[in-house]
Amino acid sequence: MEMKGYKPMDGKFVAEKIKKEISGEVEDIKKAGGKQPCLAAVLVGHDGGSETYVASKIRTCEELGFKSLLIRYEEDVTEEELLKKVNELNKDADIDGFIVQLPLPKHISSQKVIEAIDYRKDVDGFHPVNLGRMSLGLTCFKPATPAGIMELLKHYEIETKGKHCVVLGRSNIVGKPVAMLMIQKTYPGDCTVTICHSRTEYIKEICLQADILIAALGSPEYVKADMVKKDAVVIDVGTTRMPSSVTKSGYKLTGDVSFNEVAPKCRYITPVPGGVGPMTIVMLMKNTLLAAKKEIYR
């Protein structure tokens, strides 16, 4: 659907297409008498965003014919107890992949937990082995959000070769890995990549050079129209929960891009919600299927 000269990149539509492919493969596995893919999720505490994400992941598992397991802990769980559970999940042959939902409470080291996960079951793609292999262009579980962005670019046939891609944000979950993927000798890829962050000087001037702008700062409506060049492709990864008096939940998801202001300047742009979010969940499912089929690590 075209609007005002720009095209929204419909993550829901692309995710549904990939879901059909995944559920078809799961049916084939079951018919052949194979093992049903199984994803486990560990949730600590009651963070609203985390609850929503995990519920959505479990629901998608059911939709695709996966088995799923949700393991809950209260906020005061010790690091030792959580690491013990991670070790159990590593050894459980029925579980193909598992995630520990981030963020974790401050008394638990997220990095220690990530490194304790068996990289062959690390369907979030955060383990140093997976991130290291990805940086070398080797097969691995790629982090779901960056992988989802690549699928969106592919679906909309966005030209990336030789283009300038500016990434706003340097997180290990989105910023760094998406920059790594965009620089690879592949399609999508072959970009000249600049990573900007909170210490970057002349950030507006750098953004104005971007053919492809990926905003992953977690700063609501940070990107304004005067930061985006005409006909740019803008990918908005931001999902900040902002209070709202017009929604039943009392909040609305807000992106890092001021959509109404920026969209008319763009060739393509992802909305929030409905852009990168659905792609993230479906790419997690794709990783789980790859883990079940032992396609990455045997």
C-alpha atoms as a PDB file:
ATOM      1  CA  MET A   1       0.000   0.000   0.000  1.00  0.00           C
ATOM      2  CA  GLU A   2       1.475   3.363  -1.031  1.00  0.00           C
ATOM      3  CA  MET A   3       0.870   6.482   1.024  1.00  0.00           C
ATOM      4  CA  LYS A   4       2.038  10.047   0.323  1.00  0.00           C
ATOM      5  CA  GLY A   5       4.933   8.810  -1.840  1.00  0.00           C
ATOM      6  CA  TYR A   6       6.418   6.501   0.824  1.00  0.00           C
ATOM      7  CA  LYS A   7       5.811   2.819   1.471  1.00  0.00           C
ATOM      8  CA  PRO A   8       5.439   1.403   4.972  1.00  0.00           C
ATOM      9  CA  MET A   9       7.417  -1.833   5.431  1.00  0.00           C
ATOM     10  CA  ASP A  10       4.750  -4.190   6.717  1.00  0.00           C
ATOM     11  CA  GLY A  11       6.480  -6.486   9.226  1.00  0.00           C
ATOM     12  CA  LYS A  12       3.213  -8.280  10.041  1.00  0.00           C
ATOM     13  CA  PHE A  13       2.714  -9.281   6.404  1.00  0.00           C
ATOM     14  CA  VAL A  14       6.309 -10.497   5.932  1.00  0.00           C
ATOM     15  CA  ALA A  15       6.242 -12.328   9.291  1.00  0.00           C
ATOM     16  CA  GLU A  16       3.016 -14.146   8.307  1.00  0.00           C
ATOM     17  CA  LYS A  17       4.676 -15.293   5.080  1.00  0.00           C
ATOM     18  CA  ILE A  18       7.660 -16.717   7.007  1.00  0.00           C
ATOM     19  CA  LYS A  19       5.321 -18.300   9.595  1.00  0.00           C
ATOM     20  CA  LYS A  20       3.558 -20.234   6.817  1.00  0.00           C
ATOM     21  CA  GLU A  21       6.905 -21.570   5.613  1.00  0.00           C
ATOM     22  CA  ILE A  22       7.906 -22.588   9.171  1.00  0.00           C
ATOM     23  CA  SER A  23       4.575 -24.283  10.011  1.00  0.00           C
ATOM     24  CA  GLY A  24       4.776 -26.168   6.689  1.00  0.00           C
ATOM     25  CA  GLU A  25       8.217 -27.503   7.666  1.00  0.00           C
ATOM     26  CA  VAL A  26       6.969 -28.458  11.147  1.00  0.00           C
ATOM     27  CA  GLU A  27       4.103 -30.425   9.545  1.00  0.00           C
ATOM     28  CA  ASP A  28       6.603 -32.270   7.343  1.00  0.00           C
ATOM     29  CA  ILE A  29       8.773 -33.106  10.379  1.00  0.00           C
ATOM     30  CA  LYS A  30       5.757 -34.476  12.276  1.00  0.00           C
ATOM     31  CA  LYS A  31       4.562 -36.524   9.268  1.00  0.00           C
ATOM     32  CA  ALA A  32       8.014 -38.045   8.935  1.00  0.00           C
ATOM     33  CA  GLY A  33       7.842 -39.074  12.621  1.00  0.00           C
ATOM     34  CA  GLY A  34      10.441 -36.503  13.668  1.00  0.00           C
ATOM     35  CA  LYS A  35      10.687 -34.585  16.938  1.00  0.00           C
ATOM     36  CA  GLN A  36       8.443 -31.555  17.414  1.00  0.00           C
ATOM     37  CA  PRO A  37      10.601 -28.404  17.802  1.00  0.00           C
ATOM     38  CA  CYS A  38      10.643 -27.167  21.410  1.00  0.00           C
ATOM     39  CA  LEU A  39      11.417 -23.655  22.704  1.00  0.00           C
ATOM     40  CA  ALA A  40      11.769 -22.811  26.406  1.00  0.00           C
ATOM     41  CA  ALA A  41      11.598 -19.273  27.796  1.00  0.00           C
ATOM     42  CA  VAL A  42      12.841 -18.161  31.218  1.00  0.00           C
ATOM     43  CA  LEU A  43      11.125 -15.066  32.616  1.00  0.00           C
ATOM     44  CA  VAL A  44      12.359 -13.313  35.763  1.00  0.00           C
ATOM     45  CA  GLY A  45      10.061 -10.846  37.550  1.00  0.00           C
ATOM     46  CA  HIS A  46       7.029  -9.053  36.129  1.00  0.00           C
ATOM     47  CA  ASP A  47       8.346  -6.374  33.775  1.00  0.00           C
ATOM     48  CA  GLY A  48       5.401  -5.341  31.558  1.00  0.00           C
ATOM     49  CA  GLY A  49       7.357  -5.337  28.305  1.00  0.00           C
ATOM     50  CA  SER A  50       8.991  -8.704  29.033  1.00  0.00           C
ATOM     51  CA  GLU A  51       5.620 -10.261  29.959  1.00  0.00           C
ATOM     52  CA  THR A  52       4.164  -9.067  26.630  1.00  0.00           C
ATOM     53  CA  TYR A  53       7.117 -10.309  24.564  1.00  0.00           C
ATOM     54  CA  VAL A  54       7.233 -13.739  26.214  1.00  0.00           C
ATOM     55  CA  ALA A  55       3.451 -14.220  25.931  1.00  0.00           C
ATOM     56  CA  SER A  56       3.718 -13.391  22.234  1.00  0.00           C
ATOM     57  CA  LYS A  57       6.560 -15.895  21.767  1.00  0.00           C
ATOM     58  CA  ILE A  58       4.615 -18.680  23.506  1.00  0.00           C
ATOM     59  CA  ARG A  59       1.501 -17.893  21.436  1.00  0.00           C
ATOM     60  CA  THR A  60       3.530 -18.021  18.214  1.00  0.00           C
ATOM     61  CA  CYS A  61       4.975 -21.409  19.234  1.00  0.00           C
ATOM     62  CA  GLU A  62       1.432 -22.810  19.490  1.00  0.00           C
ATOM     63  CA  GLU A  63       0.510 -21.241  16.155  1.00  0.00           C
ATOM     64  CA  LEU A  64       3.462 -22.901  14.401  1.00  0.00           C
ATOM     65  CA  GLY A  65       3.104 -26.326  16.007  1.00  0.00           C
ATOM     66  CA  PHE A  66       6.124 -25.987  18.324  1.00  0.00           C
ATOM     67  CA  LYS A  67       6.189 -27.232  21.899  1.00  0.00           C
ATOM     68  CA  SER A  68       6.891 -24.467  24.404  1.00  0.00           C
ATOM     69  CA  LEU A  69       7.827 -24.242  28.043  1.00  0.00           C
ATOM     70  CA  LEU A  70       7.641 -21.122  30.229  1.00  0.00           C
ATOM     71  CA  ILE A  71       9.772 -21.064  33.386  1.00  0.00           C
ATOM     72  CA  ARG A  72       9.012 -18.214  35.782  1.00  0.00           C
ATOM     73  CA  TYR A  73      11.040 -16.795  38.643  1.00  0.00           C
ATOM     74  CA  GLU A  74      10.352 -13.930  41.007  1.00  0.00           C
ATOM     75  CA  GLU A  75      12.536 -10.794  40.933  1.00  0.00           C
ATOM     76  CA  ASP A  76      14.560 -12.000  43.969  1.00  0.00           C
ATOM     77  CA  VAL A  77      15.819 -15.239  42.356  1.00  0.00           C
ATOM     78  CA  THR A  78      19.548 -15.641  42.950  1.00  0.00           C
ATOM     79  CA  GLU A  79      22.075 -15.646  40.126  1.00  0.00           C
ATOM     80  CA  GLU A  80      23.201 -19.107  41.286  1.00  0.00           C
ATOM     81  CA  GLU A  81      19.663 -20.516  41.016  1.00  0.00           C
ATOM     82  CA  LEU A  82      19.168 -19.030  37.547  1.00  0.00           C
ATOM     83  CA  LEU A  83      22.519 -20.403  36.322  1.00  0.00           C
ATOM     84  CA  LYS A  84      21.552 -23.832  37.695  1.00  0.00           C
ATOM     85  CA  LYS A  85      18.344 -23.730  35.610  1.00  0.00           C
ATOM     86  CA  VAL A  86      20.316 -22.676  32.506  1.00  0.00           C
ATOM     87  CA  ASN A  87      22.576 -25.710  33.034  1.00  0.00           C
ATOM     88  CA  GLU A  88      19.522 -27.990  33.316  1.00  0.00           C
ATOM     89  CA  LEU A  89      18.069 -26.619  30.080  1.00  0.00           C
ATOM     90  CA  ASN A  90      21.442 -27.094  28.358  1.00  0.00           C
ATOM     91  CA  LYS A  91      21.308 -30.801  29.253  1.00  0.00           C
ATOM     92  CA  ASP A  92      17.599 -31.389  28.493  1.00  0.00           C
ATOM     93  CA  ALA A  93      17.524 -33.265  25.157  1.00  0.00           C
ATOM     94  CA  ASP A  94      13.852 -32.384  24.566  1.00  0.00           C
ATOM     95  CA  ILE A  95      14.578 -28.634  24.460  1.00  0.00           C
ATOM     96  CA  ASP A  96      16.026 -27.524  21.125  1.00  0.00           C
ATOM     97  CA  GLY A  97      16.496 -23.884  22.044  1.00  0.00           C
ATOM     98  CA  PHE A  98      15.825 -21.539  24.943  1.00  0.00           C
ATOM     99  CA  ILE A  99      15.934 -17.876  25.827  1.00  0.00           C
ATOM    100  CA  VAL A 100      16.402 -15.987  29.075  1.00  0.00           C
ATOM    101  CA  GLN A 101      14.303 -12.856  28.635  1.00  0.00           C
ATOM    102  CA  LEU A 102      16.230  -9.632  29.151  1.00  0.00           C
ATOM    103  CA  PRO A 103      16.517  -7.304  31.012  1.00  0.00           C
ATOM    104  CA  LEU A 104      17.364  -9.217  34.195  1.00  0.00           C
ATOM    105  CA  PRO A 105      17.313  -7.705  37.721  1.00  0.00           C
ATOM    106  CA  LYS A 106      20.437  -5.700  38.603  1.00  0.00           C
ATOM    107  CA  HIS A 107      21.843  -8.329  41.009  1.00  0.00           C
ATOM    108  CA  ILE A 108      22.167 -10.843  38.132  1.00  0.00           C
ATOM    109  CA  SER A 109      24.891 -10.537  35.489  1.00  0.00           C
ATOM    110  CA  SER A 110      23.180 -10.789  32.089  1.00  0.00           C
ATOM    111  CA  GLN A 111      26.541 -11.514  30.446  1.00  0.00           C
ATOM    112  CA  LYS A 112      27.263 -14.395  32.825  1.00  0.00           C
ATOM    113  CA  VAL A 113      23.834 -15.891  32.067  1.00  0.00           C
ATOM    114  CA  ILE A 114      24.268 -15.456  28.284  1.00  0.00           C
ATOM    115  CA  GLU A 115      27.688 -17.122  28.377  1.00  0.00           C
ATOM    116  CA  ALA A 116      26.297 -20.031  30.442  1.00  0.00           C
ATOM    117  CA  ILE A 117      23.798 -20.915  27.673  1.00  0.00           C
ATOM    118  CA  ASP A 118      24.955 -23.711  25.360  1.00  0.00           C
ATOM    119  CA  TYR A 119      25.656 -21.822  22.102  1.00  0.00           C
ATOM    120  CA  ARG A 120      23.980 -24.693  20.190  1.00  0.00           C
ATOM    121  CA  LYS A 121      20.718 -23.834  21.987  1.00  0.00           C
ATOM    122  CA  ASP A 122      21.229 -20.048  21.982  1.00  0.00           C
ATOM    123  CA  VAL A 123      18.329 -19.180  19.662  1.00  0.00           C
ATOM    124  CA  ASP A 124      18.527 -15.514  20.742  1.00  0.00           C
ATOM    125  CA  GLY A 125      21.968 -15.428  19.085  1.00  0.00           C
ATOM    126  CA  PHE A 126      23.616 -13.512  21.957  1.00  0.00           C
ATOM    127  CA  HIS A 127      26.353 -15.999  22.925  1.00  0.00           C
ATOM    128  CA  PRO A 128      29.910 -14.861  22.048  1.00  0.00           C
ATOM    129  CA  VAL A 129      30.339 -17.957  19.827  1.00  0.00           C
ATOM    130  CA  ASN A 130      27.304 -17.029  17.718  1.00  0.00           C
ATOM    131  CA  LEU A 131      28.198 -13.319  17.578  1.00  0.00           C
ATOM    132  CA  GLY A 132      31.823 -14.170  16.740  1.00  0.00           C
ATOM    133  CA  ARG A 133      30.828 -16.577  13.968  1.00  0.00           C
ATOM    134  CA  MET A 134      28.406 -13.982  12.592  1.00  0.00           C
ATOM    135  CA  SER A 135      31.152 -11.342  12.432  1.00  0.00           C
ATOM    136  CA  LEU A 136      33.210 -13.803  10.338  1.00  0.00           C
ATOM    137  CA  GLY A 137      30.287 -14.516   8.005  1.00  0.00           C
ATOM    138  CA  LEU A 138      29.951 -18.137   9.233  1.00  0.00           C
ATOM    139  CA  THR A 139      26.712 -20.052   9.871  1.00  0.00           C
ATOM    140  CA  CYS A 140      25.281 -19.307  13.312  1.00  0.00           C
ATOM    141  CA  PHE A 141      22.136 -18.291  15.163  1.00  0.00           C
ATOM    142  CA  LYS A 142      21.791 -14.607  14.313  1.00  0.00           C
ATOM    143  CA  PRO A 143      20.170 -12.244  16.850  1.00  0.00           C
ATOM    144  CA  ALA A 144      16.468 -12.119  15.987  1.00  0.00           C
ATOM    145  CA  THR A 145      15.970  -8.361  15.554  1.00  0.00           C
ATOM    146  CA  PRO A 146      18.939  -7.808  13.186  1.00  0.00           C
ATOM    147  CA  ALA A 147      17.977 -10.975  11.263  1.00  0.00           C
ATOM    148  CA  GLY A 148      14.401  -9.652  10.997  1.00  0.00           C
ATOM    149  CA  ILE A 149      15.672  -6.324   9.615  1.00  0.00           C
ATOM    150  CA  MET A 150      17.648  -8.204   6.932  1.00  0.00           C
ATOM    151  CA  GLU A 151      14.533 -10.170   5.934  1.00  0.00           C
ATOM    152  CA  LEU A 152      12.522  -6.940   5.625  1.00  0.00           C
ATOM    153  CA  LEU A 153      15.171  -5.370   3.390  1.00  0.00           C
ATOM    154  CA  LYS A 154      15.200  -8.533   1.266  1.00  0.00           C
ATOM    155  CA  HIS A 155      11.405  -8.706   0.967  1.00  0.00           C
ATOM    156  CA  TYR A 156      11.153  -5.093  -0.203  1.00  0.00           C
ATOM    157  CA  GLU A 157      14.156  -5.560  -2.521  1.00  0.00           C
ATOM    158  CA  ILE A 158      15.990  -2.588  -1.010  1.00  0.00           C
ATOM    159  CA  GLU A 159      19.260  -1.917  -2.827  1.00  0.00           C
ATOM    160  CA  THR A 160      22.077  -2.109  -0.240  1.00  0.00           C
ATOM    161  CA  LYS A 161      25.284  -2.622  -2.249  1.00  0.00           C
ATOM    162  CA  GLY A 162      27.546   0.411  -1.863  1.00  0.00           C
ATOM    163  CA  LYS A 163      24.892   2.333   0.098  1.00  0.00           C
ATOM    164  CA  HIS A 164      25.656   4.274   3.272  1.00  0.00           C
ATOM    165  CA  CYS A 165      23.920   2.662   6.245  1.00  0.00           C
ATOM    166  CA  VAL A 166      23.853   4.653   9.492  1.00  0.00           C
ATOM    167  CA  VAL A 167      23.037   2.703  12.658  1.00  0.00           C
ATOM    168  CA  LEU A 168      21.903   4.702  15.699  1.00  0.00           C
ATOM    169  CA  GLY A 169      22.789   2.655  18.786  1.00  0.00           C
ATOM    170  CA  ARG A 170      25.641   0.312  19.717  1.00  0.00           C
ATOM    171  CA  SER A 171      23.894  -2.347  21.814  1.00  0.00           C
ATOM    172  CA  ASN A 172      25.043  -5.979  21.647  1.00  0.00           C
ATOM    173  CA  ILE A 173      21.451  -6.961  20.857  1.00  0.00           C
ATOM    174  CA  VAL A 174      20.761  -4.725  17.830  1.00  0.00           C
ATOM    175  CA  GLY A 175      23.257  -1.961  16.996  1.00  0.00           C
ATOM    176  CA  LYS A 176      26.529  -3.901  16.757  1.00  0.00           C
ATOM    177  CA  PRO A 177      25.124  -7.087  15.158  1.00  0.00           C
ATOM    178  CA  VAL A 178      23.019  -5.261  12.530  1.00  0.00           C
ATOM    179  CA  ALA A 179      26.081  -3.181  11.591  1.00  0.00           C
ATOM    180  CA  MET A 180      28.055  -6.432  11.221  1.00  0.00           C
ATOM    181  CA  LEU A 181      25.379  -7.934   8.959  1.00  0.00           C
ATOM    182  CA  MET A 182      25.088  -4.812   6.796  1.00  0.00           C
ATOM    183  CA  ILE A 183      28.846  -4.813   6.132  1.00  0.00           C
ATOM    184  CA  GLN A 184      29.049  -8.491   5.023  1.00  0.00           C
ATOM    185  CA  LYS A 185      29.688  -9.435   1.381  1.00  0.00           C
ATOM    186  CA  THR A 186      26.102 -10.634   0.925  1.00  0.00           C
ATOM    187  CA  TYR A 187      22.657  -9.319   0.061  1.00  0.00           C
ATOM    188  CA  PRO A 188      21.375  -7.497   2.045  1.00  0.00           C
ATOM    189  CA  GLY A 189      24.802  -6.118   2.870  1.00  0.00           C
ATOM    190  CA  ASP A 190      27.834  -4.661   1.102  1.00  0.00           C
ATOM    191  CA  CYS A 191      27.070  -1.311   2.772  1.00  0.00           C
ATOM    192  CA  THR A 192      29.401   1.334   4.104  1.00  0.00           C
ATOM    193  CA  VAL A 193      28.345   1.378   7.761  1.00  0.00           C
ATOM    194  CA  THR A 194      28.593   4.167  10.343  1.00  0.00           C
ATOM    195  CA  ILE A 195      27.589   3.478  13.952  1.00  0.00           C
ATOM    196  CA  CYS A 196      26.439   6.497  15.981  1.00  0.00           C
ATOM    197  CA  HIS A 197      25.809   6.566  19.727  1.00  0.00           C
ATOM    198  CA  SER A 198      25.358   8.943  22.656  1.00  0.00           C
ATOM    199  CA  ARG A 199      28.954  10.225  22.382  1.00  0.00           C
ATOM    200  CA  THR A 200      28.884  10.813  18.598  1.00  0.00           C
ATOM    201  CA  GLU A 201      29.467  14.400  17.492  1.00  0.00           C
ATOM    202  CA  TYR A 202      27.629  15.855  14.470  1.00  0.00           C
ATOM    203  CA  ILE A 203      25.038  13.068  14.657  1.00  0.00           C
ATOM    204  CA  LYS A 204      22.466  15.011  12.623  1.00  0.00           C
ATOM    205  CA  GLU A 205      24.945  15.634   9.795  1.00  0.00           C
ATOM    206  CA  ILE A 206      25.902  11.932   9.721  1.00  0.00           C
ATOM    207  CA  CYS A 207      22.234  10.828   9.658  1.00  0.00           C
ATOM    208  CA  LEU A 208      21.627  13.142   6.695  1.00  0.00           C
ATOM    209  CA  GLN A 209      24.164  11.102   4.694  1.00  0.00           C
ATOM    210  CA  ALA A 210      22.285   7.820   5.276  1.00  0.00           C
ATOM    211  CA  ASP A 211      20.676   5.943   2.395  1.00  0.00           C
ATOM    212  CA  ILE A 212      19.507   3.448   5.034  1.00  0.00           C
ATOM    213  CA  LEU A 213      18.963   4.675   8.598  1.00  0.00           C
ATOM    214  CA  ILE A 214      18.480   2.082  11.355  1.00  0.00           C
ATOM    215  CA  ALA A 215      17.332   3.669  14.627  1.00  0.00           C
ATOM    216  CA  ALA A 216      17.937   1.459  17.674  1.00  0.00           C
ATOM    217  CA  LEU A 217      18.508   3.880  20.536  1.00  0.00           C
ATOM    218  CA  GLY A 218      15.461   3.286  22.724  1.00  0.00           C
ATOM    219  CA  SER A 219      14.874   7.039  22.714  1.00  0.00           C
ATOM    220  CA  PRO A 220      11.261   7.871  21.722  1.00  0.00           C
ATOM    221  CA  GLU A 221      10.860  10.036  18.579  1.00  0.00           C
ATOM    222  CA  TYR A 222      14.561  10.972  18.598  1.00  0.00           C
ATOM    223  CA  VAL A 223      14.829  11.010  14.784  1.00  0.00           C
ATOM    224  CA  LYS A 224      13.184  14.116  13.328  1.00  0.00           C
ATOM    225  CA  ALA A 225      12.572  15.114   9.704  1.00  0.00           C
ATOM    226  CA  ASP A 226      15.637  17.381   9.611  1.00  0.00           C
ATOM    227  CA  MET A 227      17.869  14.328  10.289  1.00  0.00           C
ATOM    228  CA  VAL A 228      16.675  12.290   7.294  1.00  0.00           C
ATOM    229  CA  LYS A 229      17.572  12.817   3.655  1.00  0.00           C
ATOM    230  CA  LYS A 230      14.947  12.588   0.914  1.00  0.00           C
ATOM    231  CA  ASP A 231      14.148   9.047  -0.287  1.00  0.00           C
ATOM    232  CA  ALA A 232      16.010   7.354   2.575  1.00  0.00           C
ATOM    233  CA  VAL A 233      14.968   3.926   3.885  1.00  0.00           C
ATOM    234  CA  VAL A 234      14.261   4.192   7.620  1.00  0.00           C
ATOM    235  CA  ILE A 235      14.109   1.169   9.942  1.00  0.00           C
ATOM    236  CA  ASP A 236      12.718   1.999  13.397  1.00  0.00           C
ATOM    237  CA  VAL A 237      13.691  -0.564  16.048  1.00  0.00           C
ATOM    238  CA  GLY A 238      12.474   1.483  19.030  1.00  0.00           C
ATOM    239  CA  THR A 239       9.655   0.115  21.201  1.00  0.00           C
ATOM    240  CA  THR A 240       9.357   2.346  24.261  1.00  0.00           C
ATOM    241  CA  ARG A 241       6.144   1.943  26.279  1.00  0.00           C
ATOM    242  CA  MET A 242       4.705   5.443  26.683  1.00  0.00           C
ATOM    243  CA  PRO A 243       1.628   6.319  28.791  1.00  0.00           C
ATOM    244  CA  SER A 244      -1.532   6.780  26.694  1.00  0.00           C
ATOM    245  CA  SER A 245      -5.079   7.763  27.620  1.00  0.00           C
ATOM    246  CA  VAL A 246      -6.536   6.384  24.365  1.00  0.00           C
ATOM    247  CA  THR A 247      -5.506   2.712  24.651  1.00  0.00           C
ATOM    248  CA  LYS A 248      -7.064   0.025  26.868  1.00  0.00           C
ATOM    249  CA  SER A 249      -3.655  -0.988  28.235  1.00  0.00           C
ATOM    250  CA  GLY A 250      -2.856   2.599  29.272  1.00  0.00           C
ATOM    251  CA  TYR A 251       0.305   2.708  27.173  1.00  0.00           C
ATOM    252  CA  LYS A 252       1.359   2.747  23.531  1.00  0.00           C
ATOM    253  CA  LEU A 253       4.510   1.550  21.832  1.00  0.00           C
ATOM    254  CA  THR A 254       6.531   4.459  20.504  1.00  0.00           C
ATOM    255  CA  GLY A 255       9.436   4.187  18.083  1.00  0.00           C
ATOM    256  CA  ASP A 256      12.734   6.058  17.915  1.00  0.00           C
ATOM    257  CA  VAL A 257      11.502   7.881  14.800  1.00  0.00           C
ATOM    258  CA  SER A 258       8.930  10.679  14.763  1.00  0.00           C
ATOM    259  CA  PHE A 259       6.886   8.774  12.150  1.00  0.00           C
ATOM    260  CA  ASN A 260       4.384  11.414  10.974  1.00  0.00           C
ATOM    261  CA  GLU A 261       7.128  13.981  10.550  1.00  0.00           C
ATOM    262  CA  VAL A 262       9.756  11.686   8.953  1.00  0.00           C
ATOM    263  CA  ALA A 263       7.633   9.367   6.765  1.00  0.00           C
ATOM    264  CA  PRO A 264       6.837  11.872   3.959  1.00  0.00           C
ATOM    265  CA  LYS A 265      10.597  12.242   3.269  1.00  0.00           C
ATOM    266  CA  CYS A 266      11.206   8.468   3.033  1.00  0.00           C
ATOM    267  CA  ARG A 267      11.047   5.921   0.262  1.00  0.00           C
ATOM    268  CA  TYR A 268      10.353   3.152   2.795  1.00  0.00           C
ATOM    269  CA  ILE A 269       9.795   3.257   6.569  1.00  0.00           C
ATOM    270  CA  THR A 270       8.827   0.735   9.250  1.00  0.00           C
ATOM    271  CA  PRO A 271       5.867   1.643  11.479  1.00  0.00           C
ATOM    272  CA  VAL A 272       5.787   1.046  15.249  1.00  0.00           C
ATOM    273  CA  PRO A 273       4.093  -1.236  16.084  1.00  0.00           C
ATOM    274  CA  GLY A 274       3.841  -3.621  13.117  1.00  0.00           C
ATOM    275  CA  GLY A 275       7.297  -3.154  11.589  1.00  0.00           C
ATOM    276  CA  VAL A 276      10.378  -4.766  13.137  1.00  0.00           C
ATOM    277  CA  GLY A 277       8.525  -6.263  16.167  1.00  0.00           C
ATOM    278  CA  PRO A 278       6.692  -9.121  14.368  1.00  0.00           C
ATOM    279  CA  MET A 279       9.899  -9.919  12.452  1.00  0.00           C
ATOM    280  CA  THR A 280      11.861 -10.326  15.696  1.00  0.00           C
ATOM    281  CA  ILE A 281       9.509 -13.009  17.003  1.00  0.00           C
ATOM    282  CA  VAL A 282       9.333 -14.929  13.723  1.00  0.00           C
ATOM    283  CA  MET A 283      13.150 -14.966  13.372  1.00  0.00           C
ATOM    284  CA  LEU A 284      13.405 -16.411  16.883  1.00  0.00           C
ATOM    285  CA  MET A 285      11.060 -19.184  15.677  1.00  0.00           C
ATOM    286  CA  LYS A 286      13.218 -19.693  12.578  1.00  0.00           C
ATOM    287  CA  ASN A 287      16.286 -20.114  14.819  1.00  0.00           C
ATOM    288  CA  THR A 288      14.385 -22.647  16.954  1.00  0.00           C
ATOM    289  CA  LEU A 289      13.459 -24.640  13.839  1.00  0.00           C
ATOM    290  CA  LEU A 290      17.117 -24.573  12.694  1.00  0.00           C
ATOM    291  CA  ALA A 291      18.143 -25.789  16.177  1.00  0.00           C
ATOM    292  CA  ALA A 292      15.579 -28.629  16.038  1.00  0.00           C
ATOM    293  CA  LYS A 293      16.812 -29.667  12.594  1.00  0.00           C
ATOM    294  CA  LYS A 294      20.458 -29.416  13.772  1.00  0.00           C
ATOM    295  CA  GLU A 295      21.162 -27.319  10.679  1.00  0.00           C
ATOM    296  CA  ILE A 296      23.614 -24.912  12.302  1.00  0.00           C
ATOM    297  CA  TYR A 297      25.405 -27.140  14.832  1.00  0.00           C
ATOM    298  CA  ARG A 298      25.263 -30.928  14.717  1.00  0.00           C
END
